[in-house]
Amino acid sequence: MRPGRGSRPRTKTRPEHRDAEQAMVTAVDRGRWSCVLGGDPQRPIVAMRARELGRTPIVVGDQVDVVGDLSGRPDTLARIVRVADRRTVLRRTADDTDPFERVVVANAEQLFIVVALADPPPRTGFVERAMAAAYAGGLEPILCLTKHDLAAESEFATEFRDLDLTIVFGGRDDPLDDIDALLRDKLSCLLGHSGVGKSTLVNRLVPEADRAVGVVSGVGKGRHTSTQSVALALPDGGWVIDTPGIRSFGLAHITPDDVIQAFADLAEAIEDCPRGCTHLGPPADPECALDELPGKQRRVEAIRRLLVALNSNDPWMVGNG
């Protein structure tokens, strides 16, 4: 009797792909991944996900191994066969009750939190949440202020100085020397609401980027101008990832311990906290070990503001905290 269809046993041995080349993902669009071989912007390719990877998520910034047609010619398609372990991850959830994590970018070393000092007005809650996500994911947060020609810096930035947060200005008329120096030879991510000047900043940093620039409506909500994340090569070395303007930033996946662990001078102290301590201090946690640290109280208070934002159950950033 002839064997039935599909009767041949499937092998569990997967190809080793020893000839695979390493690449970095620069954009994702409908089941296709734009990559650059060896991190070289002059060697772009387009790839699909190999069948053996199943539904393995692959995001901008991921380091991947690719095989197949690596010529980069029009209408050619390579295959992504492996995804390397991520060094850092910026994650968010749809809201603070959503158990499903979404990886925004992978392997970025820095997170530039872009905030306008006016039009729309700045929200400390957004900065605190973005900082918490950066600390938990292994990225260094940097506060980038725009539109200070419309409003003075006032006290907004001073609320974060006790966290040793680097602060730079990236408005339309600001010199970019400080930002260029921070970006050089690193993989950095820009995060911010629509309308804060993020795409304008990207276009100044990478003139050929041609990112769409939107306007801010009368209710203080910017029009979403960038619809997907994309990594762009910087003229002097390094990459910047421009992300779509956000309206919400849920942190259901982050715990207070995740944030504290990012601060080496405080991480050891919380080992003496009682189980379940939220590190918010009295009256919620009267035995929190952070209260016993000499000379650290201003820093502890600043970090506790991050934890309050983490526990606020209000992920909506435009028009809220």
Protein backbone atom coordinates (compact mmCIF):
# COMPACT_ATOMS: atom_id res chain seq x y z
CA MET A 1 0.00 0.00 0.00
CA ARG A 2 1.29 3.44 -0.86
CA PRO A 3 2.07 5.55 2.15
CA GLY A 4 -0.53 8.18 2.87
CA ARG A 5 0.03 11.85 2.45
CA GLY A 6 2.24 13.27 5.15
CA SER A 7 3.16 9.85 6.52
CA ARG A 8 6.90 10.53 6.39
CA PRO A 9 8.04 11.35 9.92
CA ARG A 10 9.16 14.92 10.46
CA THR A 11 12.70 15.47 11.60
CA LYS A 12 13.34 17.56 14.72
CA THR A 13 16.81 18.42 13.50
CA ARG A 14 16.96 22.05 12.48
CA PRO A 15 19.55 23.45 10.09
CA GLU A 16 22.51 25.10 11.80
CA HIS A 17 22.86 27.89 9.22
CA ARG A 18 26.59 28.16 9.77
CA ASP A 19 26.85 30.51 6.80
CA ALA A 20 24.42 33.02 8.31
CA GLU A 21 25.46 36.67 8.54
CA GLN A 22 24.59 39.00 11.37
CA ALA A 23 22.35 41.98 10.77
CA MET A 24 20.44 44.64 12.71
CA VAL A 25 16.70 45.20 12.22
CA THR A 26 15.97 48.79 11.21
CA ALA A 27 12.23 48.66 10.40
CA VAL A 28 9.25 46.30 10.44
CA ASP A 29 6.40 46.41 7.95
CA ARG A 30 3.70 43.77 7.40
CA GLY A 31 5.77 40.65 7.84
CA ARG A 32 8.93 42.05 6.30
CA TRP A 33 11.98 43.22 8.21
CA SER A 34 14.42 45.80 6.87
CA CYS A 35 17.95 45.02 8.08
CA VAL A 36 21.53 46.16 7.58
CA LEU A 37 24.25 43.54 7.32
CA GLY A 38 26.95 43.90 9.94
CA GLY A 39 25.33 47.13 11.10
CA ASP A 40 26.50 48.83 7.89
CA PRO A 41 23.88 51.26 6.53
CA GLN A 42 25.36 50.77 3.06
CA ARG A 43 24.34 47.07 3.09
CA PRO A 44 20.54 47.07 3.42
CA ILE A 45 18.43 43.96 2.85
CA VAL A 46 14.81 42.91 3.31
CA ALA A 47 14.07 39.65 5.09
CA MET A 48 11.22 37.43 6.15
CA ARG A 49 11.04 35.33 9.31
CA ALA A 50 12.08 31.72 8.78
CA ARG A 51 9.40 29.13 9.40
CA GLU A 52 11.34 27.51 12.23
CA LEU A 53 11.12 30.74 14.24
CA GLY A 54 7.35 30.44 14.41
CA ARG A 55 5.89 33.65 15.84
CA THR A 56 9.08 34.76 17.56
CA PRO A 57 8.76 38.55 17.94
CA ILE A 58 11.40 40.56 16.07
CA VAL A 59 11.60 44.32 16.64
CA VAL A 60 13.70 47.28 15.60
CA GLY A 61 17.15 47.05 17.15
CA ASP A 62 17.22 43.26 17.27
CA GLN A 63 20.43 41.55 16.21
CA VAL A 64 19.54 38.69 13.89
CA ASP A 65 21.22 36.04 11.74
CA VAL A 66 20.14 35.98 8.11
CA VAL A 67 20.61 33.58 5.18
CA GLY A 68 19.52 33.44 1.56
CA ASP A 69 19.82 36.25 -0.94
CA LEU A 70 21.85 38.93 0.83
CA SER A 71 22.52 41.03 -2.25
CA GLY A 72 19.99 43.69 -1.31
CA ARG A 73 18.82 43.95 -4.91
CA PRO A 74 15.19 44.97 -5.54
CA ASP A 75 12.62 42.20 -5.02
CA THR A 76 15.09 39.92 -3.22
CA LEU A 77 14.25 38.43 0.15
CA ALA A 78 16.52 36.95 2.82
CA ARG A 79 15.44 34.85 5.81
CA ILE A 80 15.91 35.59 9.49
CA VAL A 81 16.90 32.30 11.12
CA ARG A 82 18.03 33.41 14.60
CA VAL A 83 17.41 36.28 17.01
CA ALA A 84 20.23 37.07 19.43
CA ASP A 85 19.62 37.58 23.13
CA ARG A 86 18.67 41.20 23.82
CA ARG A 87 21.02 43.32 25.91
CA THR A 88 18.33 45.88 26.76
CA VAL A 89 14.59 46.07 26.14
CA LEU A 90 12.14 48.97 26.21
CA ARG A 91 8.70 47.53 26.94
CA ARG A 92 5.24 48.89 27.48
CA THR A 93 1.71 47.57 27.94
CA ALA A 94 -1.53 48.99 26.58
CA ASP A 95 -2.52 49.96 30.14
CA ASP A 96 -1.60 49.11 33.70
CA THR A 97 -3.83 46.04 33.80
CA ASP A 98 -2.79 44.52 30.47
CA PRO A 99 -0.68 41.36 31.02
CA PHE A 100 0.67 41.43 27.46
CA GLU A 101 4.03 43.14 27.10
CA ARG A 102 4.96 44.90 23.87
CA VAL A 103 8.63 45.32 23.10
CA VAL A 104 9.11 48.80 21.65
CA VAL A 105 12.80 48.52 20.74
CA ALA A 106 15.67 46.16 21.53
CA ASN A 107 19.33 46.74 22.37
CA ALA A 108 19.12 50.53 22.65
CA GLU A 109 21.66 51.99 25.06
CA GLN A 110 19.90 55.31 25.65
CA LEU A 111 16.31 56.54 25.80
CA PHE A 112 15.83 60.19 24.87
CA ILE A 113 12.55 61.27 26.50
CA VAL A 114 11.48 64.17 24.29
CA VAL A 115 9.23 66.69 26.05
CA ALA A 116 8.00 70.10 24.91
CA LEU A 117 7.96 72.87 27.52
CA ALA A 118 4.85 74.27 25.84
CA ASP A 119 2.29 73.41 23.15
CA PRO A 120 1.56 70.75 24.46
CA PRO A 121 2.49 71.50 28.08
CA PRO A 122 4.91 69.07 29.77
CA ARG A 123 3.69 66.22 31.97
CA THR A 124 5.92 64.94 34.73
CA GLY A 125 3.93 61.69 34.82
CA PHE A 126 5.05 60.78 31.31
CA VAL A 127 8.71 61.46 32.08
CA GLU A 128 8.52 59.43 35.31
CA ARG A 129 6.90 56.48 33.56
CA ALA A 130 9.37 56.55 30.68
CA MET A 131 12.26 56.71 33.14
CA ALA A 132 10.88 53.73 35.07
CA ALA A 133 10.63 51.72 31.84
CA ALA A 134 14.18 52.73 30.88
CA TYR A 135 15.66 51.77 34.23
CA ALA A 136 13.81 48.44 34.27
CA GLY A 137 14.94 47.66 30.71
CA GLY A 138 18.61 48.58 31.12
CA LEU A 139 18.58 51.85 29.13
CA GLU A 140 20.01 55.17 30.29
CA PRO A 141 17.27 57.83 30.25
CA ILE A 142 18.06 61.32 28.96
CA LEU A 143 15.56 64.19 29.14
CA CYS A 144 15.41 66.20 25.90
CA LEU A 145 13.48 69.48 26.18
CA THR A 146 12.06 71.28 23.14
CA LYS A 147 10.16 74.54 22.55
CA HIS A 148 11.80 76.40 25.41
CA ASP A 149 11.48 79.50 23.24
CA LEU A 150 7.76 79.34 24.12
CA ALA A 151 8.22 78.69 27.85
CA ALA A 152 11.03 78.93 30.35
CA GLU A 153 12.53 75.73 31.74
CA SER A 154 11.16 76.86 35.14
CA GLU A 155 10.99 74.08 37.70
CA PHE A 156 10.04 71.23 35.36
CA ALA A 157 13.51 69.81 34.81
CA THR A 158 14.65 70.44 38.38
CA GLU A 159 12.22 67.78 39.61
CA PHE A 160 14.50 65.12 38.11
CA ARG A 161 17.96 66.45 38.95
CA ASP A 162 18.33 64.29 42.07
CA LEU A 163 18.23 61.24 39.79
CA ASP A 164 21.44 62.34 38.03
CA LEU A 165 19.39 62.68 34.86
CA THR A 166 21.18 64.18 31.86
CA ILE A 167 19.15 67.07 30.42
CA VAL A 168 19.65 68.48 26.91
CA PHE A 169 17.79 70.93 24.67
CA GLY A 170 16.65 69.81 21.22
CA GLY A 171 14.40 72.59 19.99
CA ARG A 172 14.25 73.87 16.43
CA ASP A 173 16.84 76.61 17.06
CA ASP A 174 19.00 74.88 19.67
CA PRO A 175 22.54 73.84 18.77
CA LEU A 176 22.81 70.05 18.73
CA ASP A 177 26.44 69.67 19.82
CA ASP A 178 25.56 68.11 23.18
CA ILE A 179 23.02 65.73 21.63
CA ASP A 180 25.41 64.75 18.82
CA ALA A 181 28.08 63.88 21.39
CA LEU A 182 25.66 61.67 23.36
CA LEU A 183 24.41 59.87 20.24
CA ARG A 184 27.76 59.21 18.59
CA ASP A 185 28.54 55.50 18.12
CA LYS A 186 25.54 54.38 20.20
CA LEU A 187 22.09 52.96 19.53
CA SER A 188 19.59 55.41 20.98
CA CYS A 189 15.80 55.64 21.01
CA LEU A 190 13.59 58.74 20.91
CA LEU A 191 10.25 58.61 22.75
CA GLY A 192 7.62 61.30 23.09
CA HIS A 193 4.10 62.49 22.40
CA SER A 194 3.10 63.60 18.92
CA GLY A 195 3.71 67.28 18.35
CA VAL A 196 6.61 67.75 20.78
CA GLY A 197 9.16 68.25 18.00
CA LYS A 198 10.59 64.74 17.91
CA SER A 199 10.43 64.34 14.13
CA THR A 200 11.83 67.84 13.67
CA LEU A 201 14.77 66.81 15.84
CA VAL A 202 15.26 63.60 13.85
CA ASN A 203 15.28 65.52 10.58
CA ARG A 204 18.00 67.80 11.94
CA LEU A 205 20.07 64.86 13.14
CA VAL A 206 19.58 62.86 9.93
CA PRO A 207 18.78 65.34 7.13
CA GLU A 208 17.88 62.63 4.62
CA ALA A 209 15.42 61.00 7.04
CA ASP A 210 12.49 63.14 5.83
CA ARG A 211 10.30 62.20 8.81
CA ALA A 212 6.81 63.67 8.59
CA VAL A 213 6.26 66.66 10.88
CA GLY A 214 2.80 67.21 12.35
CA VAL A 215 0.99 69.99 14.14
CA VAL A 216 -0.59 70.22 17.55
CA SER A 217 -4.37 70.50 17.66
CA GLY A 218 -6.29 72.93 19.84
CA VAL A 219 -6.93 70.33 22.52
CA GLY A 220 -3.23 69.73 23.08
CA LYS A 221 -3.00 66.43 21.23
CA GLY A 222 -0.47 66.06 18.46
CA ARG A 223 -1.27 64.33 15.21
CA HIS A 224 0.54 61.02 14.87
CA THR A 225 3.09 61.66 12.15
CA SER A 226 5.46 58.67 12.47
CA THR A 227 3.48 55.45 12.10
CA GLN A 228 6.23 52.94 12.86
CA SER A 229 9.60 52.75 14.56
CA VAL A 230 12.63 53.07 12.31
CA ALA A 231 16.37 53.05 13.00
CA LEU A 232 18.31 55.75 11.15
CA ALA A 233 22.08 55.91 10.71
CA LEU A 234 23.70 59.07 12.07
CA PRO A 235 26.25 60.90 9.90
CA ASP A 236 29.00 60.71 12.55
CA GLY A 237 28.33 57.11 13.62
CA GLY A 238 25.65 55.47 15.68
CA TRP A 239 21.93 54.97 15.18
CA VAL A 240 18.81 56.73 16.39
CA ILE A 241 15.45 54.95 16.56
CA ASP A 242 12.47 57.22 15.96
CA THR A 243 9.27 55.83 17.48
CA PRO A 244 5.64 56.79 16.76
CA GLY A 245 4.14 59.49 18.98
CA ILE A 246 2.58 57.82 21.98
CA ARG A 247 -0.72 58.39 23.76
CA SER A 248 -0.40 55.76 26.48
CA PHE A 249 2.43 54.01 28.27
CA GLY A 250 1.29 51.19 30.52
CA LEU A 251 3.73 49.65 33.00
CA ALA A 252 1.93 46.50 34.09
CA HIS A 253 5.13 44.49 33.59
CA ILE A 254 7.34 46.59 35.90
CA THR A 255 7.66 46.15 39.67
CA PRO A 256 9.08 48.64 42.21
CA ASP A 257 12.10 46.34 42.67
CA ASP A 258 12.79 46.56 38.90
CA VAL A 259 13.20 50.33 39.24
CA ILE A 260 15.25 50.31 42.44
CA GLN A 261 17.66 47.70 41.03
CA ALA A 262 18.78 50.26 38.43
CA PHE A 263 20.35 52.38 41.18
CA ALA A 264 23.48 50.65 42.45
CA ASP A 265 23.63 52.78 45.60
CA LEU A 266 20.10 51.74 46.61
CA ALA A 267 19.73 48.22 45.22
CA GLU A 268 21.57 46.57 48.11
CA ALA A 269 19.53 48.42 50.73
CA ILE A 270 16.16 47.00 49.68
CA GLU A 271 17.36 43.49 50.55
CA ASP A 272 16.51 44.48 54.13
CA CYS A 273 12.96 45.55 53.23
CA PRO A 274 10.07 43.36 54.44
CA ARG A 275 8.45 41.10 51.87
CA GLY A 276 5.96 42.94 49.65
CA CYS A 277 7.48 46.36 50.37
CA THR A 278 6.55 48.90 47.70
CA HIS A 279 9.39 51.23 48.83
CA LEU A 280 6.97 54.17 48.98
CA GLY A 281 7.76 54.81 52.64
CA PRO A 282 5.36 55.68 55.49
CA PRO A 283 2.50 55.17 55.93
CA ALA A 284 2.35 52.49 53.21
CA ASP A 285 5.72 50.94 54.14
CA PRO A 286 6.79 52.04 57.63
CA GLU A 287 9.76 49.63 57.64
CA CYS A 288 11.19 50.45 54.20
CA ALA A 289 14.98 50.20 54.35
CA LEU A 290 15.37 53.24 52.07
CA ASP A 291 14.36 55.45 54.99
CA GLU A 292 17.50 54.41 56.87
CA LEU A 293 20.02 55.51 54.23
CA PRO A 294 22.09 58.46 55.48
CA GLY A 295 22.45 61.41 53.14
CA LYS A 296 20.26 59.84 50.43
CA GLN A 297 16.83 61.20 51.27
CA ARG A 298 16.51 63.68 48.38
CA ARG A 299 17.52 60.93 45.97
CA VAL A 300 15.14 58.47 47.64
CA GLU A 301 12.30 60.99 47.40
CA ALA A 302 13.00 61.49 43.70
CA ILE A 303 12.95 57.74 43.08
CA ARG A 304 9.74 57.42 45.07
CA ARG A 305 8.13 59.85 42.65
CA LEU A 306 8.92 57.30 39.93
CA LEU A 307 7.30 54.59 42.02
CA VAL A 308 4.20 56.72 42.61
CA ALA A 309 3.88 57.13 38.83
CA LEU A 310 4.37 53.38 38.49
CA ASN A 311 1.48 52.75 40.88
CA SER A 312 -0.78 55.52 39.60
CA ASN A 313 -2.90 53.21 37.38
CA ASP A 314 -3.09 56.08 34.89
CA PRO A 315 -1.09 55.22 31.76
CA TRP A 316 -2.67 57.87 29.57
CA MET A 317 -0.08 60.48 28.87
CA VAL A 318 -1.82 63.05 26.72
CA GLY A 319 -4.14 65.17 28.80
CA ASN A 320 -3.16 63.42 32.04
CA GLY A 321 -0.39 63.46 34.69
